[in-house]
Amino acid sequence: MDELVDKLKNKALEFKDDLKREELSLSIGDSEHKFRLSGIGEKAVKIEKYIRYEEIVEGVESGKQGLEKSLKNLIENFKEE
């Protein structure tokens, strides 16, 4: 397994600048979301996505049970420690 991890990491690092321009489509709940590869490092790959508040509310109001609802619940139920 270590050999596979090293191979994957080395390829990611080799093409780091080009990979940062790529998008990744993921199905979350009942919808498809595009994420951007925003960081490629020695230990991990970072993905990110900006989701407007309007998209969150519209998604929940249309009955989506995925990312939008999870974000809305997280924000609404957050309590400062």
PDB file of N, CA and C in Angstrom:
ATOM      1  N   MET A   1       0.823  -1.191   0.000  1.00  0.00           N
ATOM      2  CA  MET A   1       0.000   0.000   0.000  1.00  0.00           C
ATOM      3  C   MET A   1       0.870   1.259   0.000  1.00  0.00           C
ATOM      4  N   ASP A   2       1.961   1.256   0.747  1.00  0.00           N
ATOM      5  CA  ASP A   2       2.838   2.420   0.789  1.00  0.00           C
ATOM      6  C   ASP A   2       3.344   2.790  -0.596  1.00  0.00           C
ATOM      7  N   GLU A   3       3.611   1.777  -1.410  1.00  0.00           N
ATOM      8  CA  GLU A   3       4.103   2.023  -2.762  1.00  0.00           C
ATOM      9  C   GLU A   3       3.044   2.749  -3.603  1.00  0.00           C
ATOM     10  N   LEU A   4       1.781   2.342  -3.443  1.00  0.00           N
ATOM     11  CA  LEU A   4       0.687   2.991  -4.171  1.00  0.00           C
ATOM     12  C   LEU A   4       0.492   4.435  -3.707  1.00  0.00           C
ATOM     13  N   VAL A   5       0.616   4.653  -2.411  1.00  0.00           N
ATOM     14  CA  VAL A   5       0.489   6.003  -1.855  1.00  0.00           C
ATOM     15  C   VAL A   5       1.600   6.894  -2.404  1.00  0.00           C
ATOM     16  N   ASP A   6       2.827   6.395  -2.384  1.00  0.00           N
ATOM     17  CA  ASP A   6       3.957   7.176  -2.898  1.00  0.00           C
ATOM     18  C   ASP A   6       3.796   7.476  -4.387  1.00  0.00           C
ATOM     19  N   LYS A   7       3.334   6.520  -5.135  1.00  0.00           N
ATOM     20  CA  LYS A   7       3.146   6.701  -6.571  1.00  0.00           C
ATOM     21  C   LYS A   7       2.103   7.791  -6.846  1.00  0.00           C
ATOM     22  N   LEU A   8       0.981   7.732  -6.118  1.00  0.00           N
ATOM     23  CA  LEU A   8      -0.072   8.720  -6.268  1.00  0.00           C
ATOM     24  C   LEU A   8       0.415  10.107  -5.856  1.00  0.00           C
ATOM     25  N   LYS A   9       1.086  10.187  -4.710  1.00  0.00           N
ATOM     26  CA  LYS A   9       1.608  11.456  -4.207  1.00  0.00           C
ATOM     27  C   LYS A   9       2.610  12.057  -5.183  1.00  0.00           C
ATOM     28  N   ASN A  10       3.527  11.256  -5.684  1.00  0.00           N
ATOM     29  CA  ASN A  10       4.549  11.760  -6.596  1.00  0.00           C
ATOM     30  C   ASN A  10       3.941  12.295  -7.887  1.00  0.00           C
ATOM     31  N   LYS A  11       2.942  11.618  -8.399  1.00  0.00           N
ATOM     32  CA  LYS A  11       2.285  12.091  -9.622  1.00  0.00           C
ATOM     33  C   LYS A  11       1.542  13.396  -9.347  1.00  0.00           C
ATOM     34  N   ALA A  12       0.853  13.474  -8.220  1.00  0.00           N
ATOM     35  CA  ALA A  12       0.131  14.700  -7.863  1.00  0.00           C
ATOM     36  C   ALA A  12       1.099  15.872  -7.721  1.00  0.00           C
ATOM     37  N   LEU A  13       2.216  15.640  -7.057  1.00  0.00           N
ATOM     38  CA  LEU A  13       3.189  16.707  -6.872  1.00  0.00           C
ATOM     39  C   LEU A  13       3.852  17.108  -8.193  1.00  0.00           C
ATOM     40  N   GLU A  14       4.068  16.143  -9.048  1.00  0.00           N
ATOM     41  CA  GLU A  14       4.684  16.414 -10.346  1.00  0.00           C
ATOM     42  C   GLU A  14       3.797  17.335 -11.195  1.00  0.00           C
ATOM     43  N   PHE A  15       2.498  17.122 -11.136  1.00  0.00           N
ATOM     44  CA  PHE A  15       1.560  17.892 -11.950  1.00  0.00           C
ATOM     45  C   PHE A  15       0.752  18.886 -11.119  1.00  0.00           C
ATOM     46  N   LYS A  16       1.288  19.269  -9.974  1.00  0.00           N
ATOM     47  CA  LYS A  16       0.612  20.131  -9.005  1.00  0.00           C
ATOM     48  C   LYS A  16      -0.003  21.382  -9.643  1.00  0.00           C
ATOM     49  N   ASP A  17       0.765  22.140 -10.389  1.00  0.00           N
ATOM     50  CA  ASP A  17       0.259  23.393 -10.956  1.00  0.00           C
ATOM     51  C   ASP A  17      -0.882  23.162 -11.931  1.00  0.00           C
ATOM     52  N   ASP A  18      -0.797  22.134 -12.740  1.00  0.00           N
ATOM     53  CA  ASP A  18      -1.864  21.836 -13.694  1.00  0.00           C
ATOM     54  C   ASP A  18      -3.092  21.250 -13.001  1.00  0.00           C
ATOM     55  N   LEU A  19      -2.885  20.412 -12.007  1.00  0.00           N
ATOM     56  CA  LEU A  19      -4.013  19.813 -11.285  1.00  0.00           C
ATOM     57  C   LEU A  19      -4.834  20.868 -10.547  1.00  0.00           C
ATOM     58  N   LYS A  20      -4.188  21.943 -10.106  1.00  0.00           N
ATOM     59  CA  LYS A  20      -4.915  22.995  -9.384  1.00  0.00           C
ATOM     60  C   LYS A  20      -5.940  23.696 -10.260  1.00  0.00           C
ATOM     61  N   ARG A  21      -5.874  23.507 -11.552  1.00  0.00           N
ATOM     62  CA  ARG A  21      -6.851  24.104 -12.470  1.00  0.00           C
ATOM     63  C   ARG A  21      -8.028  23.165 -12.748  1.00  0.00           C
ATOM     64  N   GLU A  22      -7.947  21.973 -12.237  1.00  0.00           N
ATOM     65  CA  GLU A  22      -8.969  20.953 -12.507  1.00  0.00           C
ATOM     66  C   GLU A  22     -10.135  21.053 -11.523  1.00  0.00           C
ATOM     67  N   GLU A  23     -11.283  20.555 -11.966  1.00  0.00           N
ATOM     68  CA  GLU A  23     -12.464  20.446 -11.118  1.00  0.00           C
ATOM     69  C   GLU A  23     -12.839  18.981 -10.967  1.00  0.00           C
ATOM     70  N   LEU A  24     -13.462  18.670  -9.860  1.00  0.00           N
ATOM     71  CA  LEU A  24     -13.877  17.319  -9.547  1.00  0.00           C
ATOM     72  C   LEU A  24     -15.376  17.339  -9.290  1.00  0.00           C
ATOM     73  N   SER A  25     -16.135  16.529 -10.007  1.00  0.00           N
ATOM     74  CA  SER A  25     -17.579  16.444  -9.795  1.00  0.00           C
ATOM     75  C   SER A  25     -17.883  15.310  -8.830  1.00  0.00           C
ATOM     76  N   LEU A  26     -18.653  15.630  -7.800  1.00  0.00           N
ATOM     77  CA  LEU A  26     -19.037  14.635  -6.790  1.00  0.00           C
ATOM     78  C   LEU A  26     -20.544  14.666  -6.594  1.00  0.00           C
ATOM     79  N   SER A  27     -21.134  13.505  -6.468  1.00  0.00           N
ATOM     80  CA  SER A  27     -22.557  13.408  -6.141  1.00  0.00           C
ATOM     81  C   SER A  27     -22.691  13.430  -4.629  1.00  0.00           C
ATOM     82  N   ILE A  28     -23.487  14.384  -4.147  1.00  0.00           N
ATOM     83  CA  ILE A  28     -23.756  14.493  -2.716  1.00  0.00           C
ATOM     84  C   ILE A  28     -25.261  14.600  -2.572  1.00  0.00           C
ATOM     85  N   GLY A  29     -25.844  13.641  -1.898  1.00  0.00           N
ATOM     86  CA  GLY A  29     -27.302  13.607  -1.819  1.00  0.00           C
ATOM     87  C   GLY A  29     -27.867  13.357  -3.203  1.00  0.00           C
ATOM     88  N   ASP A  30     -28.783  14.211  -3.605  1.00  0.00           N
ATOM     89  CA  ASP A  30     -29.432  14.027  -4.904  1.00  0.00           C
ATOM     90  C   ASP A  30     -28.934  15.014  -5.957  1.00  0.00           C
ATOM     91  N   SER A  31     -27.773  15.619  -5.725  1.00  0.00           N
ATOM     92  CA  SER A  31     -27.261  16.562  -6.718  1.00  0.00           C
ATOM     93  C   SER A  31     -25.762  16.402  -6.924  1.00  0.00           C
ATOM     94  N   GLU A  32     -25.311  16.946  -8.036  1.00  0.00           N
ATOM     95  CA  GLU A  32     -23.905  16.883  -8.426  1.00  0.00           C
ATOM     96  C   GLU A  32     -23.252  18.227  -8.096  1.00  0.00           C
ATOM     97  N   HIS A  33     -22.072  18.188  -7.491  1.00  0.00           N
ATOM     98  CA  HIS A  33     -21.362  19.411  -7.119  1.00  0.00           C
ATOM     99  C   HIS A  33     -19.948  19.367  -7.680  1.00  0.00           C
ATOM    100  N   LYS A  34     -19.474  20.531  -8.130  1.00  0.00           N
ATOM    101  CA  LYS A  34     -18.109  20.643  -8.642  1.00  0.00           C
ATOM    102  C   LYS A  34     -17.223  21.267  -7.578  1.00  0.00           C
ATOM    103  N   PHE A  35     -16.110  20.612  -7.318  1.00  0.00           N
ATOM    104  CA  PHE A  35     -15.120  21.098  -6.367  1.00  0.00           C
ATOM    105  C   PHE A  35     -13.840  21.397  -7.124  1.00  0.00           C
ATOM    106  N   ARG A  36     -13.077  22.355  -6.613  1.00  0.00           N
ATOM    107  CA  ARG A  36     -11.805  22.721  -7.213  1.00  0.00           C
ATOM    108  C   ARG A  36     -10.690  22.145  -6.353  1.00  0.00           C
ATOM    109  N   LEU A  37      -9.654  21.627  -7.009  1.00  0.00           N
ATOM    110  CA  LEU A  37      -8.471  21.186  -6.272  1.00  0.00           C
ATOM    111  C   LEU A  37      -7.709  22.446  -5.885  1.00  0.00           C
ATOM    112  N   SER A  38      -7.718  22.800  -4.623  1.00  0.00           N
ATOM    113  CA  SER A  38      -7.120  24.066  -4.199  1.00  0.00           C
ATOM    114  C   SER A  38      -5.761  23.896  -3.536  1.00  0.00           C
ATOM    115  N   GLY A  39      -5.406  22.696  -3.213  1.00  0.00           N
ATOM    116  CA  GLY A  39      -4.107  22.467  -2.594  1.00  0.00           C
ATOM    117  C   GLY A  39      -3.633  21.048  -2.827  1.00  0.00           C
ATOM    118  N   ILE A  40      -2.358  20.929  -3.152  1.00  0.00           N
ATOM    119  CA  ILE A  40      -1.755  19.611  -3.349  1.00  0.00           C
ATOM    120  C   ILE A  40      -0.437  19.625  -2.589  1.00  0.00           C
ATOM    121  N   GLY A  41      -0.362  18.817  -1.553  1.00  0.00           N
ATOM    122  CA  GLY A  41       0.812  18.828  -0.699  1.00  0.00           C
ATOM    123  C   GLY A  41       1.416  17.457  -0.523  1.00  0.00           C
ATOM    124  N   GLU A  42       2.343  17.375   0.386  1.00  0.00           N
ATOM    125  CA  GLU A  42       3.065  16.131   0.668  1.00  0.00           C
ATOM    126  C   GLU A  42       2.176  15.062   1.300  1.00  0.00           C
ATOM    127  N   LYS A  43       1.149  15.490   2.043  1.00  0.00           N
ATOM    128  CA  LYS A  43       0.340  14.523   2.782  1.00  0.00           C
ATOM    129  C   LYS A  43      -1.101  14.412   2.302  1.00  0.00           C
ATOM    130  N   ALA A  44      -1.596  15.437   1.581  1.00  0.00           N
ATOM    131  CA  ALA A  44      -3.022  15.432   1.256  1.00  0.00           C
ATOM    132  C   ALA A  44      -3.340  16.335   0.067  1.00  0.00           C
ATOM    133  N   VAL A  45      -4.559  16.149  -0.445  1.00  0.00           N
ATOM    134  CA  VAL A  45      -5.122  17.000  -1.485  1.00  0.00           C
ATOM    135  C   VAL A  45      -6.287  17.747  -0.837  1.00  0.00           C
ATOM    136  N   LYS A  46      -6.368  19.042  -1.083  1.00  0.00           N
ATOM    137  CA  LYS A  46      -7.444  19.862  -0.530  1.00  0.00           C
ATOM    138  C   LYS A  46      -8.400  20.231  -1.654  1.00  0.00           C
ATOM    139  N   ILE A  47      -9.702  20.040  -1.401  1.00  0.00           N
ATOM    140  CA  ILE A  47     -10.706  20.464  -2.369  1.00  0.00           C
ATOM    141  C   ILE A  47     -11.569  21.534  -1.714  1.00  0.00           C
ATOM    142  N   GLU A  48     -12.114  22.431  -2.543  1.00  0.00           N
ATOM    143  CA  GLU A  48     -12.981  23.467  -1.984  1.00  0.00           C
ATOM    144  C   GLU A  48     -14.098  23.807  -2.947  1.00  0.00           C
ATOM    145  N   LYS A  49     -15.123  24.413  -2.391  1.00  0.00           N
ATOM    146  CA  LYS A  49     -16.288  24.822  -3.171  1.00  0.00           C
ATOM    147  C   LYS A  49     -16.936  25.992  -2.443  1.00  0.00           C
ATOM    148  N   TYR A  50     -17.254  27.021  -3.192  1.00  0.00           N
ATOM    149  CA  TYR A  50     -18.017  28.129  -2.632  1.00  0.00           C
ATOM    150  C   TYR A  50     -19.486  27.865  -2.913  1.00  0.00           C
ATOM    151  N   ILE A  51     -20.311  28.004  -1.883  1.00  0.00           N
ATOM    152  CA  ILE A  51     -21.747  27.792  -2.029  1.00  0.00           C
ATOM    153  C   ILE A  51     -22.446  29.027  -1.477  1.00  0.00           C
ATOM    154  N   ARG A  52     -23.141  29.728  -2.359  1.00  0.00           N
ATOM    155  CA  ARG A  52     -23.832  30.949  -1.944  1.00  0.00           C
ATOM    156  C   ARG A  52     -24.995  30.588  -1.013  1.00  0.00           C
ATOM    157  N   TYR A  53     -25.301  31.498  -0.112  1.00  0.00           N
ATOM    158  CA  TYR A  53     -26.412  31.277   0.819  1.00  0.00           C
ATOM    159  C   TYR A  53     -27.710  31.041   0.049  1.00  0.00           C
ATOM    160  N   GLU A  54     -27.880  31.743  -1.081  1.00  0.00           N
ATOM    161  CA  GLU A  54     -29.078  31.558  -1.897  1.00  0.00           C
ATOM    162  C   GLU A  54     -29.176  30.109  -2.383  1.00  0.00           C
ATOM    163  N   GLU A  55     -28.026  29.533  -2.762  1.00  0.00           N
ATOM    164  CA  GLU A  55     -28.015  28.141  -3.222  1.00  0.00           C
ATOM    165  C   GLU A  55     -28.400  27.192  -2.092  1.00  0.00           C
ATOM    166  N   ILE A  56     -27.968  27.491  -0.882  1.00  0.00           N
ATOM    167  CA  ILE A  56     -28.298  26.647   0.271  1.00  0.00           C
ATOM    168  C   ILE A  56     -29.805  26.671   0.500  1.00  0.00           C
ATOM    169  N   VAL A  57     -30.373  27.874   0.584  1.00  0.00           N
ATOM    170  CA  VAL A  57     -31.805  28.004   0.863  1.00  0.00           C
ATOM    171  C   VAL A  57     -32.631  27.418  -0.282  1.00  0.00           C
ATOM    172  N   GLU A  58     -32.270  27.724  -1.525  1.00  0.00           N
ATOM    173  CA  GLU A  58     -33.018  27.181  -2.668  1.00  0.00           C
ATOM    174  C   GLU A  58     -32.955  25.659  -2.699  1.00  0.00           C
ATOM    175  N   GLY A  59     -31.785  25.100  -2.390  1.00  0.00           N
ATOM    176  CA  GLY A  59     -31.642  23.645  -2.376  1.00  0.00           C
ATOM    177  C   GLY A  59     -32.520  22.990  -1.329  1.00  0.00           C
ATOM    178  N   VAL A  60     -32.535  23.565  -0.134  1.00  0.00           N
ATOM    179  CA  VAL A  60     -33.351  23.008   0.947  1.00  0.00           C
ATOM    180  C   VAL A  60     -34.839  23.159   0.624  1.00  0.00           C
ATOM    181  N   GLU A  61     -35.214  24.327   0.118  1.00  0.00           N
ATOM    182  CA  GLU A  61     -36.628  24.554  -0.213  1.00  0.00           C
ATOM    183  C   GLU A  61     -37.118  23.643  -1.342  1.00  0.00           C
ATOM    184  N   SER A  62     -36.197  23.226  -2.215  1.00  0.00           N
ATOM    185  CA  SER A  62     -36.607  22.326  -3.298  1.00  0.00           C
ATOM    186  C   SER A  62     -36.560  20.859  -2.872  1.00  0.00           C
ATOM    187  N   GLY A  63     -36.246  20.609  -1.598  1.00  0.00           N
ATOM    188  CA  GLY A  63     -36.301  19.261  -1.065  1.00  0.00           C
ATOM    189  C   GLY A  63     -34.997  18.479  -1.129  1.00  0.00           C
ATOM    190  N   LYS A  64     -33.897  19.134  -1.475  1.00  0.00           N
ATOM    191  CA  LYS A  64     -32.623  18.420  -1.535  1.00  0.00           C
ATOM    192  C   LYS A  64     -32.190  18.004  -0.136  1.00  0.00           C
ATOM    193  N   GLN A  65     -31.669  16.798  -0.016  1.00  0.00           N
ATOM    194  CA  GLN A  65     -31.267  16.253   1.275  1.00  0.00           C
ATOM    195  C   GLN A  65     -29.748  16.124   1.402  1.00  0.00           C
ATOM    196  N   GLY A  66     -28.997  16.802   0.573  1.00  0.00           N
ATOM    197  CA  GLY A  66     -27.555  16.609   0.550  1.00  0.00           C
ATOM    198  C   GLY A  66     -26.776  17.740   1.179  1.00  0.00           C
ATOM    199  N   LEU A  67     -25.847  18.252   0.418  1.00  0.00           N
ATOM    200  CA  LEU A  67     -24.910  19.255   0.890  1.00  0.00           C
ATOM    201  C   LEU A  67     -25.601  20.511   1.403  1.00  0.00           C
ATOM    202  N   GLU A  68     -26.575  20.998   0.671  1.00  0.00           N
ATOM    203  CA  GLU A  68     -27.255  22.226   1.058  1.00  0.00           C
ATOM    204  C   GLU A  68     -27.916  22.094   2.433  1.00  0.00           C
ATOM    205  N   LYS A  69     -28.605  20.991   2.635  1.00  0.00           N
ATOM    206  CA  LYS A  69     -29.288  20.787   3.920  1.00  0.00           C
ATOM    207  C   LYS A  69     -28.274  20.623   5.052  1.00  0.00           C
ATOM    208  N   SER A  70     -27.194  19.907   4.782  1.00  0.00           N
ATOM    209  CA  SER A  70     -26.164  19.720   5.807  1.00  0.00           C
ATOM    210  C   SER A  70     -25.541  21.049   6.208  1.00  0.00           C
ATOM    211  N   LEU A  71     -25.256  21.906   5.233  1.00  0.00           N
ATOM    212  CA  LEU A  71     -24.687  23.222   5.540  1.00  0.00           C
ATOM    213  C   LEU A  71     -25.667  24.081   6.331  1.00  0.00           C
ATOM    214  N   LYS A  72     -26.907  24.081   5.905  1.00  0.00           N
ATOM    215  CA  LYS A  72     -27.924  24.871   6.608  1.00  0.00           C
ATOM    216  C   LYS A  72     -28.053  24.409   8.053  1.00  0.00           C
ATOM    217  N   ASN A  73     -28.110  23.106   8.281  1.00  0.00           N
ATOM    218  CA  ASN A  73     -28.213  22.575   9.644  1.00  0.00           C
ATOM    219  C   ASN A  73     -26.988  22.923  10.478  1.00  0.00           C
ATOM    220  N   LEU A  74     -25.812  22.814   9.883  1.00  0.00           N
ATOM    221  CA  LEU A  74     -24.578  23.127  10.606  1.00  0.00           C
ATOM    222  C   LEU A  74     -24.579  24.578  11.064  1.00  0.00           C
ATOM    223  N   ILE A  75     -24.932  25.486  10.158  1.00  0.00           N
ATOM    224  CA  ILE A  75     -24.935  26.910  10.494  1.00  0.00           C
ATOM    225  C   ILE A  75     -26.011  27.221  11.526  1.00  0.00           C
ATOM    226  N   GLU A  76     -27.225  26.735  11.312  1.00  0.00           N
ATOM    227  CA  GLU A  76     -28.332  27.046  12.220  1.00  0.00           C
ATOM    228  C   GLU A  76     -28.140  26.474  13.616  1.00  0.00           C
ATOM    229  N   ASN A  77     -27.496  25.321  13.720  1.00  0.00           N
ATOM    230  CA  ASN A  77     -27.343  24.657  15.013  1.00  0.00           C
ATOM    231  C   ASN A  77     -26.017  24.941  15.712  1.00  0.00           C
ATOM    232  N   PHE A  78     -25.191  25.798  15.117  1.00  0.00           N
ATOM    233  CA  PHE A  78     -23.877  26.073  15.690  1.00  0.00           C
ATOM    234  C   PHE A  78     -24.007  26.866  16.981  1.00  0.00           C
ATOM    235  N   LYS A  79     -23.225  26.434  17.960  1.00  0.00           N
ATOM    236  CA  LYS A  79     -23.160  27.141  19.229  1.00  0.00           C
ATOM    237  C   LYS A  79     -21.692  27.336  19.558  1.00  0.00           C
ATOM    238  N   GLU A  80     -21.344  28.564  19.887  1.00  0.00           N
ATOM    239  CA  GLU A  80     -19.950  28.860  20.218  1.00  0.00           C
ATOM    240  C   GLU A  80     -19.571  28.151  21.505  1.00  0.00           C
ATOM    241  N   GLU A  81     -18.361  27.593  21.509  1.00  0.00           N
ATOM    242  CA  GLU A  81     -17.904  26.863  22.705  1.00  0.00           C
ATOM    243  C   GLU A  81     -17.333  27.804  23.732  1.00  0.00           C
TER     244      GLU A  81
END
